[in-house]
């Protein structure tokens, strides 16, 4: 489960375009940050995606990816031209292709590597979908099949692109827009596949063109309901509408941290979801926000705020610039599904999982300091917006290092506060199992 939103320049405080997304995956499905330089490719080259091989193009653009460590593509990312894309799993009545095809994350990377604008990225994704379709297992430890919706944006415009098998609809964003794990385009769209309406009529999902509504006709009602996408989309949409014209990166970070339900309630339930998602027991609640991204797209050097770590409520957003590079020394080696303290993701996971043992009380120990630290990072990044790439790299590396230092201190302080209100028994069992599967250090 995931949540993605966009605010165009007419809705932000400074006229920039602001994008945000939480990547929700399995708890041990470590999140990796990766910067891939532009490259030229020989005629006839092919590229192996997660499962499927497709024809390569002559030149691919530099891309910044935030991705599950084992997948070729990305849950969210950007390219050197200021194009940014994020995807959502959606559940439809169209059959899922369980063969080795292109998965939603592959579409994101391919489009970023091959486009210079949101319009061009949309064209790339449509061509790929119509030529190859979509399919393949998207689950880390178990089979998980779905279709995809996307937000694609650049410095001036954005699209919502929603799919059901090889059928699709696309709608231009006017000011703010949010998507979650459900189709949202209804009776109005700007572009659509040729068979979109007729397919629904032939399958008996509507009586006529006048009766057609994409989301209503194509959605799988059971799985869409279990994903609790409606309440999460309401949450992010309401936050953006209330702040329209004043939205900032700091606000976007807090949109991604929203807990509409009390954590104490959610850790006792087998269903339900939040924008800032925490996994629990059972097949419905096995999704966790494992990484988050806020992009501020503007002329010059766009700024990308990344956690690289699980649960935005316990994480710190750090600045990255495409022309400066990632501070790989501060991030450590690429993570896997097994605990490794040398990696950014797993170092932070010690703090995240300790907080879950008494969520509200333990989060309160450092949340004010977390916000102050991010405010400092934002102020420093704003001052260096026109600086040379080396200066911005130095700031990025310093922010990653400072966040690691603070999180180590927060972990020590959190561990000294014994849990006063234990989560539900099966919630504790679920997280104990997750940690055991990842070979994490035993907790007291």
Protein backbone atom coordinates (compact mmCIF):
# COMPACT_ATOMS: atom_id res chain seq x y z
CA UNK A 1 0.00 0.00 0.00
CA UNK A 2 1.24 3.51 -0.76
CA UNK A 3 0.19 7.16 -0.96
CA UNK A 4 1.34 9.72 -3.54
CA UNK A 5 0.44 13.39 -3.98
CA UNK A 6 1.34 16.42 -6.08
CA UNK A 7 0.92 20.17 -5.65
CA UNK A 8 1.48 22.35 -8.70
CA UNK A 9 3.02 25.81 -8.55
CA UNK A 10 -0.36 27.52 -8.11
CA UNK A 11 -0.80 25.61 -4.83
CA UNK A 12 2.65 26.03 -3.25
CA UNK A 13 4.19 28.88 -1.28
CA UNK A 14 6.99 29.64 -3.73
CA UNK A 15 5.60 28.48 -7.08
CA UNK A 16 7.62 25.26 -7.16
CA UNK A 17 5.99 21.89 -7.81
CA UNK A 18 5.98 19.65 -4.74
CA UNK A 19 5.63 15.85 -4.96
CA UNK A 20 5.44 13.40 -2.06
CA UNK A 21 5.21 9.67 -1.63
CA UNK A 22 5.43 6.92 0.98
CA UNK A 23 6.61 3.60 -0.40
CA UNK A 24 4.76 0.85 1.46
CA UNK A 25 6.28 -2.61 1.18
CA UNK A 26 6.96 -5.57 3.47
CA UNK A 27 8.71 -4.63 6.75
CA UNK A 28 12.01 -6.33 5.84
CA UNK A 29 11.95 -5.21 2.20
CA UNK A 30 14.81 -2.77 2.63
CA UNK A 31 14.61 0.53 0.76
CA UNK A 32 17.56 1.51 -1.43
CA UNK A 33 18.58 4.92 -2.79
CA UNK A 34 20.41 4.79 -6.10
CA UNK A 35 21.73 7.38 -8.56
CA UNK A 36 22.40 6.08 -12.07
CA UNK A 37 24.28 8.35 -14.50
CA UNK A 38 23.20 9.08 -18.06
CA UNK A 39 24.50 6.56 -20.60
CA UNK A 40 24.72 5.85 -24.31
CA UNK A 41 23.81 2.41 -25.65
CA UNK A 42 24.78 0.56 -28.81
CA UNK A 43 22.16 -0.09 -31.50
CA UNK A 44 20.21 -3.28 -30.84
CA UNK A 45 20.91 -3.20 -27.09
CA UNK A 46 18.41 -4.66 -24.67
CA UNK A 47 17.79 -3.99 -21.01
CA UNK A 48 16.76 -6.60 -18.43
CA UNK A 49 14.12 -5.18 -16.12
CA UNK A 50 12.96 -7.03 -12.98
CA UNK A 51 11.71 -9.96 -15.03
CA UNK A 52 11.34 -8.93 -18.67
CA UNK A 53 13.89 -7.84 -21.26
CA UNK A 54 12.93 -4.90 -23.49
CA UNK A 55 14.64 -2.98 -26.26
CA UNK A 56 17.04 -0.31 -25.03
CA UNK A 57 17.13 3.20 -26.46
CA UNK A 58 20.28 4.99 -27.66
CA UNK A 59 20.55 7.34 -24.66
CA UNK A 60 19.19 7.09 -21.11
CA UNK A 61 18.98 10.06 -18.76
CA UNK A 62 20.46 10.16 -15.26
CA UNK A 63 17.95 8.94 -12.65
CA UNK A 64 17.60 9.08 -8.88
CA UNK A 65 15.70 6.03 -7.65
CA UNK A 66 14.10 5.10 -4.32
CA UNK A 67 13.41 1.38 -4.65
CA UNK A 68 12.95 -2.03 -3.06
CA UNK A 69 16.48 -3.44 -3.02
CA UNK A 70 15.63 -6.48 -5.18
CA UNK A 71 13.63 -4.75 -7.93
CA UNK A 72 15.20 -3.27 -11.09
CA UNK A 73 12.75 -0.37 -11.18
CA UNK A 74 11.65 2.02 -8.45
CA UNK A 75 8.65 2.93 -6.34
CA UNK A 76 9.50 6.60 -6.89
CA UNK A 77 12.22 8.58 -8.53
CA UNK A 78 13.34 11.54 -10.60
CA UNK A 79 15.56 12.29 -13.56
CA UNK A 80 18.05 14.98 -14.54
CA UNK A 81 15.32 16.96 -16.35
CA UNK A 82 13.16 17.37 -13.24
CA UNK A 83 10.65 14.64 -14.09
CA UNK A 84 9.36 12.75 -11.04
CA UNK A 85 7.09 9.68 -10.88
CA UNK A 86 5.53 7.54 -8.15
CA UNK A 87 3.20 4.54 -8.40
CA UNK A 88 0.37 2.91 -6.49
CA UNK A 89 -0.88 -0.67 -6.53
CA UNK A 90 -4.51 -0.76 -7.66
CA UNK A 91 -6.84 -3.73 -7.64
CA UNK A 92 -9.07 -4.20 -10.67
CA UNK A 93 -11.48 -6.64 -12.29
CA UNK A 94 -9.10 -7.22 -15.18
CA UNK A 95 -7.08 -10.46 -14.81
CA UNK A 96 -3.52 -10.20 -13.51
CA UNK A 97 -0.73 -11.52 -15.70
CA UNK A 98 1.31 -13.77 -13.39
CA UNK A 99 4.05 -14.33 -15.94
CA UNK A 100 7.35 -12.49 -16.10
CA UNK A 101 6.31 -9.09 -17.45
CA UNK A 102 6.90 -5.43 -16.69
CA UNK A 103 5.86 -4.45 -13.17
CA UNK A 104 4.80 -0.96 -12.11
CA UNK A 105 8.23 -0.09 -10.73
CA UNK A 106 9.85 -1.00 -14.06
CA UNK A 107 7.55 1.45 -15.86
CA UNK A 108 8.78 4.24 -13.57
CA UNK A 109 12.47 3.67 -14.22
CA UNK A 110 12.00 3.18 -17.97
CA UNK A 111 9.95 6.38 -18.25
CA UNK A 112 12.44 8.41 -16.20
CA UNK A 113 15.35 7.16 -18.28
CA UNK A 114 13.54 8.00 -21.54
CA UNK A 115 11.76 11.32 -20.99
CA UNK A 116 12.44 15.03 -20.55
CA UNK A 117 8.94 16.08 -19.42
CA UNK A 118 5.84 14.67 -17.75
CA UNK A 119 4.04 14.63 -21.11
CA UNK A 120 6.85 12.64 -22.69
CA UNK A 121 6.99 10.27 -19.70
CA UNK A 122 3.27 9.59 -20.10
CA UNK A 123 3.76 8.78 -23.78
CA UNK A 124 6.60 6.39 -22.90
CA UNK A 125 4.49 4.56 -20.32
CA UNK A 126 1.53 4.26 -22.67
CA UNK A 127 3.71 2.77 -25.41
CA UNK A 128 5.29 0.30 -23.00
CA UNK A 129 1.92 -0.73 -21.57
CA UNK A 130 0.37 -1.26 -24.98
CA UNK A 131 3.38 -3.17 -26.29
CA UNK A 132 4.29 -5.31 -23.28
CA UNK A 133 1.35 -5.15 -20.91
CA UNK A 134 1.99 -5.39 -17.18
CA UNK A 135 2.50 -8.42 -14.99
CA UNK A 136 4.72 -10.32 -12.64
CA UNK A 137 5.03 -10.95 -8.92
CA UNK A 138 5.59 -7.74 -6.94
CA UNK A 139 5.85 -9.43 -3.55
CA UNK A 140 9.14 -9.88 -1.70
CA UNK A 141 8.40 -13.03 0.31
CA UNK A 142 5.01 -13.98 -1.13
CA UNK A 143 3.05 -13.67 -4.35
CA UNK A 144 1.47 -10.24 -4.80
CA UNK A 145 -0.12 -9.18 -8.09
CA UNK A 146 -1.76 -5.89 -8.97
CA UNK A 147 -2.16 -3.18 -11.59
CA UNK A 148 -0.83 0.35 -11.23
CA UNK A 149 -1.66 4.01 -11.05
CA UNK A 150 0.92 6.79 -11.25
CA UNK A 151 1.52 10.47 -10.70
CA UNK A 152 3.95 11.93 -13.23
CA UNK A 153 5.17 15.52 -12.83
CA UNK A 154 7.72 18.04 -14.00
CA UNK A 155 8.45 21.66 -13.08
CA UNK A 156 5.23 22.91 -14.72
CA UNK A 157 2.64 20.14 -14.99
CA UNK A 158 1.47 16.75 -13.77
CA UNK A 159 -0.65 13.75 -14.81
CA UNK A 160 -2.53 10.99 -13.04
CA UNK A 161 -2.20 7.81 -15.11
CA UNK A 162 -4.32 4.81 -14.05
CA UNK A 163 -4.33 1.31 -15.53
CA UNK A 164 -6.32 -1.91 -15.52
CA UNK A 165 -4.49 -4.56 -17.51
CA UNK A 166 -3.77 -2.87 -20.86
CA UNK A 167 -6.63 -0.40 -20.49
CA UNK A 168 -5.86 3.04 -19.10
CA UNK A 169 -7.01 6.59 -18.50
CA UNK A 170 -5.01 9.76 -17.84
CA UNK A 171 -6.06 13.07 -16.34
CA UNK A 172 -4.16 16.36 -16.09
CA UNK A 173 -3.68 17.75 -12.59
CA UNK A 174 -5.11 21.25 -12.09
CA UNK A 175 -3.63 22.22 -8.69
CA UNK A 176 -3.41 19.43 -6.08
CA UNK A 177 -4.06 15.73 -6.44
CA UNK A 178 -3.61 12.63 -4.31
CA UNK A 179 -3.82 8.94 -5.19
CA UNK A 180 -3.76 5.81 -3.08
CA UNK A 181 -4.45 2.13 -3.71
CA UNK A 182 -7.60 2.66 -5.75
CA UNK A 183 -8.63 3.96 -9.14
CA UNK A 184 -9.69 7.61 -8.89
CA UNK A 185 -10.53 8.67 -12.46
CA UNK A 186 -14.27 8.48 -12.99
CA UNK A 187 -16.29 9.93 -15.86
CA UNK A 188 -13.79 12.55 -17.01
CA UNK A 189 -10.30 12.13 -18.44
CA UNK A 190 -7.99 13.82 -20.92
CA UNK A 191 -6.63 10.69 -22.60
CA UNK A 192 -7.69 7.03 -22.57
CA UNK A 193 -7.07 3.72 -24.27
CA UNK A 194 -9.24 3.02 -27.33
CA UNK A 195 -11.04 0.08 -25.74
CA UNK A 196 -11.57 1.53 -22.27
CA UNK A 197 -15.33 2.02 -22.45
CA UNK A 198 -16.20 -0.80 -24.84
CA UNK A 199 -14.35 -3.37 -22.74
CA UNK A 200 -16.43 -2.44 -19.69
CA UNK A 201 -19.66 -2.65 -21.69
CA UNK A 202 -18.72 -6.04 -23.18
CA UNK A 203 -17.92 -7.44 -19.73
CA UNK A 204 -21.22 -6.18 -18.32
CA UNK A 205 -19.65 -3.69 -15.92
CA UNK A 206 -21.82 -0.89 -17.32
CA UNK A 207 -24.76 -0.68 -19.71
CA UNK A 208 -23.62 2.07 -22.03
CA UNK A 209 -21.10 4.83 -22.61
CA UNK A 210 -23.37 7.20 -20.68
CA UNK A 211 -23.28 4.81 -17.73
CA UNK A 212 -19.47 4.46 -17.76
CA UNK A 213 -17.26 5.43 -14.83
CA UNK A 214 -13.70 4.13 -14.96
CA UNK A 215 -13.13 3.71 -11.22
CA UNK A 216 -16.55 2.20 -10.57
CA UNK A 217 -16.50 -0.17 -13.54
CA UNK A 218 -12.93 -1.46 -13.31
CA UNK A 219 -12.23 -1.56 -9.55
CA UNK A 220 -12.18 -4.79 -7.59
CA UNK A 221 -14.46 -3.75 -4.70
CA UNK A 222 -13.17 -6.21 -2.10
CA UNK A 223 -9.42 -5.63 -2.36
CA UNK A 224 -9.87 -1.90 -2.89
CA UNK A 225 -11.90 -1.73 0.32
CA UNK A 226 -9.38 -3.80 2.27
CA UNK A 227 -6.60 -1.44 1.14
CA UNK A 228 -8.45 1.39 2.94
CA UNK A 229 -7.38 3.67 0.10
CA UNK A 230 -10.36 5.99 0.40
CA UNK A 231 -9.64 7.18 3.92
CA UNK A 232 -5.94 7.69 3.21
CA UNK A 233 -6.65 9.69 0.06
CA UNK A 234 -9.14 11.83 1.96
CA UNK A 235 -6.44 12.48 4.54
CA UNK A 236 -3.79 13.73 2.10
CA UNK A 237 -6.29 15.59 -0.08
CA UNK A 238 -7.77 17.44 2.91
CA UNK A 239 -4.31 18.43 4.12
CA UNK A 240 -3.38 19.85 0.72
CA UNK A 241 -6.70 21.63 0.20
CA UNK A 242 -6.39 23.30 3.61
CA UNK A 243 -2.89 24.54 2.78
CA UNK A 244 -3.46 25.34 -0.91
CA UNK A 245 -1.33 28.30 -1.96
CA UNK A 246 0.98 27.85 1.02
CA UNK A 247 2.30 24.29 0.63
CA UNK A 248 6.00 23.86 1.45
CA UNK A 249 8.37 20.87 1.56
CA UNK A 250 8.07 20.83 5.36
CA UNK A 251 4.29 20.55 5.06
CA UNK A 252 4.67 17.75 2.52
CA UNK A 253 6.88 15.83 4.95
CA UNK A 254 4.20 16.15 7.60
CA UNK A 255 1.48 15.07 5.14
CA UNK A 256 3.41 11.82 4.77
CA UNK A 257 3.59 11.41 8.56
CA UNK A 258 -0.16 11.53 9.10
CA UNK A 259 -1.76 9.02 11.45
CA UNK A 260 -5.50 9.48 11.07
CA UNK A 261 -6.06 6.67 13.57
CA UNK A 262 -4.36 6.39 16.93
CA UNK A 263 -1.46 3.98 16.74
CA UNK A 264 -2.79 2.23 19.84
CA UNK A 265 -5.99 1.44 17.90
CA UNK A 266 -4.15 0.29 14.78
CA UNK A 267 -1.81 -2.02 16.67
CA UNK A 268 -4.87 -3.81 18.02
CA UNK A 269 -6.58 -4.22 14.64
CA UNK A 270 -6.03 -6.69 11.81
CA UNK A 271 -7.31 -4.22 9.20
CA UNK A 272 -7.06 -0.49 8.65
CA UNK A 273 -4.29 1.72 7.33
CA UNK A 274 -2.69 5.14 7.69
CA UNK A 275 -0.72 7.39 5.35
CA UNK A 276 2.28 6.69 7.59
CA UNK A 277 1.75 2.95 7.55
CA UNK A 278 2.94 0.46 10.16
CA UNK A 279 2.61 -3.26 9.49
CA UNK A 280 0.86 -5.68 11.83
CA UNK A 281 -0.32 -9.27 11.99
CA UNK A 282 -2.28 -10.92 9.22
CA UNK A 283 -2.38 -10.75 5.44
CA UNK A 284 -4.14 -7.36 5.26
CA UNK A 285 -1.72 -5.40 7.48
CA UNK A 286 1.60 -6.72 6.13
CA UNK A 287 2.53 -3.38 4.52
CA UNK A 288 4.92 -0.86 6.04
CA UNK A 289 6.13 2.59 4.89
CA UNK A 290 9.73 1.60 4.19
CA UNK A 291 10.86 4.83 2.52
CA UNK A 292 9.61 8.33 1.76
CA UNK A 293 10.34 11.10 -0.73
CA UNK A 294 9.46 14.76 -1.13
CA UNK A 295 10.55 16.49 -4.34
CA UNK A 296 10.68 20.25 -4.82
CA UNK A 297 10.79 20.82 -8.57
CA UNK A 298 11.89 24.25 -9.77
CA UNK A 299 14.13 25.93 -12.32
CA UNK A 300 17.77 25.25 -11.60
CA UNK A 301 18.63 22.45 -9.22
CA UNK A 302 15.51 20.70 -7.92
CA UNK A 303 15.82 19.37 -4.37
CA UNK A 304 14.89 15.81 -3.39
CA UNK A 305 14.20 15.08 0.26
CA UNK A 306 14.69 11.39 1.04
CA UNK A 307 14.52 9.30 4.19
CA UNK A 308 16.01 6.06 2.85
CA UNK A 309 14.53 4.57 6.02
CA UNK A 310 11.31 3.11 7.35
CA UNK A 311 8.34 5.07 8.77
CA UNK A 312 8.54 8.82 8.06
CA UNK A 313 7.30 9.52 11.60
CA UNK A 314 10.55 8.08 12.99
CA UNK A 315 12.76 9.20 10.08
CA UNK A 316 14.56 12.35 8.97
CA UNK A 317 14.26 13.76 5.44
CA UNK A 318 17.70 14.61 4.01
CA UNK A 319 18.41 16.76 0.90
CA UNK A 320 19.84 15.32 -2.31
CA UNK A 321 20.54 16.99 -5.68
CA UNK A 322 20.85 15.15 -8.98
CA UNK A 323 24.00 17.00 -10.04
CA UNK A 324 25.68 16.55 -6.65
CA UNK A 325 25.32 12.81 -6.15
CA UNK A 326 24.35 10.63 -3.22
CA UNK A 327 26.56 10.61 -0.10
CA UNK A 328 27.25 6.90 -0.44
CA UNK A 329 29.80 6.81 2.37
CA UNK A 330 27.15 8.00 4.83
CA UNK A 331 24.57 5.56 3.43
CA UNK A 332 26.73 2.45 3.59
CA UNK A 333 26.46 -0.55 1.27
CA UNK A 334 23.29 -1.49 -0.58
CA UNK A 335 20.84 -3.11 1.86
CA UNK A 336 19.27 -6.55 1.56
CA UNK A 337 16.44 -8.26 3.41
CA UNK A 338 18.83 -9.18 6.23
CA UNK A 339 19.94 -6.85 9.04
CA UNK A 340 23.24 -5.08 8.43
CA UNK A 341 24.16 -2.22 10.76
CA UNK A 342 26.46 -0.76 8.10
CA UNK A 343 23.46 0.20 5.95
CA UNK A 344 21.33 3.31 6.36
CA UNK A 345 18.04 1.38 6.27
CA UNK A 346 18.88 -1.20 8.92
CA UNK A 347 20.66 1.22 11.29
CA UNK A 348 17.47 3.23 11.48
CA UNK A 349 15.32 0.13 11.79
CA UNK A 350 16.63 -0.39 15.33
CA UNK A 351 15.05 2.95 16.31
CA UNK A 352 11.84 2.37 14.37
CA UNK A 353 11.15 -1.04 15.93
CA UNK A 354 11.99 0.18 19.44
CA UNK A 355 9.49 3.03 19.06
CA UNK A 356 6.75 0.55 18.09
CA UNK A 357 6.96 -1.06 21.53
CA UNK A 358 5.26 2.00 23.06
CA UNK A 359 4.60 4.19 20.04
CA UNK A 360 3.09 7.46 21.29
CA UNK A 361 5.26 7.84 24.38
CA UNK A 362 8.51 6.85 22.68
CA UNK A 363 7.93 8.93 19.54
CA UNK A 364 7.32 11.97 21.76
CA UNK A 365 10.88 11.65 23.11
CA UNK A 366 12.41 12.95 19.88
CA UNK A 367 9.70 14.15 17.45
CA UNK A 368 10.22 17.84 18.32
CA UNK A 369 13.97 17.45 17.77
CA UNK A 370 13.30 15.65 14.47
CA UNK A 371 11.22 18.60 13.24
CA UNK A 372 13.84 21.13 14.35
CA UNK A 373 16.57 19.15 12.60
CA UNK A 374 14.62 19.08 9.33
CA UNK A 375 13.87 22.79 9.61
CA UNK A 376 17.62 23.38 9.92
CA UNK A 377 18.29 21.19 6.87
CA UNK A 378 15.64 23.06 4.84
CA UNK A 379 17.09 26.44 5.80
CA UNK A 380 20.61 25.32 4.86
CA UNK A 381 19.45 23.78 1.57
CA UNK A 382 17.56 26.96 0.65
CA UNK A 383 20.67 29.06 1.23
CA UNK A 384 22.70 26.80 -1.07
CA UNK A 385 20.11 26.50 -3.86
CA UNK A 386 22.36 28.41 -6.28
CA UNK A 387 25.67 27.04 -4.98
CA UNK A 388 27.93 24.78 -7.00
CA UNK A 389 27.29 21.01 -6.92
CA UNK A 390 30.27 20.29 -4.64
CA UNK A 391 28.97 22.65 -1.95
CA UNK A 392 25.55 21.03 -2.13
CA UNK A 393 27.11 17.57 -1.95
CA UNK A 394 28.95 18.57 1.21
CA UNK A 395 25.69 19.72 2.77
CA UNK A 396 23.90 16.55 1.72
CA UNK A 397 26.62 14.36 3.26
CA UNK A 398 26.59 16.46 6.44
CA UNK A 399 22.81 16.11 6.75
CA UNK A 400 22.96 12.32 6.34
CA UNK A 401 25.75 12.12 8.93
CA UNK A 402 23.93 14.41 11.37
CA UNK A 403 20.70 12.42 11.02
CA UNK A 404 22.56 9.18 11.76
CA UNK A 405 24.16 10.76 14.82
CA UNK A 406 20.82 12.04 16.12
CA UNK A 407 19.04 8.74 15.52
CA UNK A 408 21.71 6.90 17.51
CA UNK A 409 21.13 9.31 20.40
CA UNK A 410 17.33 8.96 20.09
CA UNK A 411 17.66 5.17 20.15
CA UNK A 412 19.60 5.29 23.41
CA UNK A 413 17.02 7.59 24.99
CA UNK A 414 14.08 5.55 23.71
CA UNK A 415 15.56 2.34 25.12
CA UNK A 416 15.83 3.89 28.60
CA UNK A 417 12.07 4.43 28.70
CA UNK A 418 10.50 1.10 29.53
CA UNK A 419 7.22 0.46 27.67
CA UNK A 420 4.27 1.58 29.77
CA UNK A 421 1.57 0.56 27.32
CA UNK A 422 2.36 -2.62 25.43
CA UNK A 423 0.85 -3.21 21.98
CA UNK A 424 -1.61 -6.03 21.42
CA UNK A 425 -0.18 -9.51 21.86
CA UNK A 426 -0.45 -10.54 18.20
CA UNK A 427 1.03 -7.19 17.12
CA UNK A 428 4.10 -7.89 19.27
CA UNK A 429 4.29 -11.40 17.87
CA UNK A 430 4.15 -10.11 14.29
CA UNK A 431 7.01 -7.68 14.80
CA UNK A 432 9.03 -10.26 16.69
CA UNK A 433 8.66 -12.56 13.69
CA UNK A 434 9.62 -9.79 11.23
CA UNK A 435 12.77 -9.07 13.24
CA UNK A 436 13.67 -12.74 13.56
CA UNK A 437 13.31 -13.23 9.80
CA UNK A 438 15.73 -10.32 9.23
CA UNK A 439 18.21 -11.61 11.84
CA UNK A 440 17.94 -8.40 13.82
CA UNK A 441 19.55 -8.23 17.27
CA UNK A 442 17.39 -9.61 20.06
CA UNK A 443 15.57 -6.99 22.11
CA UNK A 444 15.18 -7.08 25.83
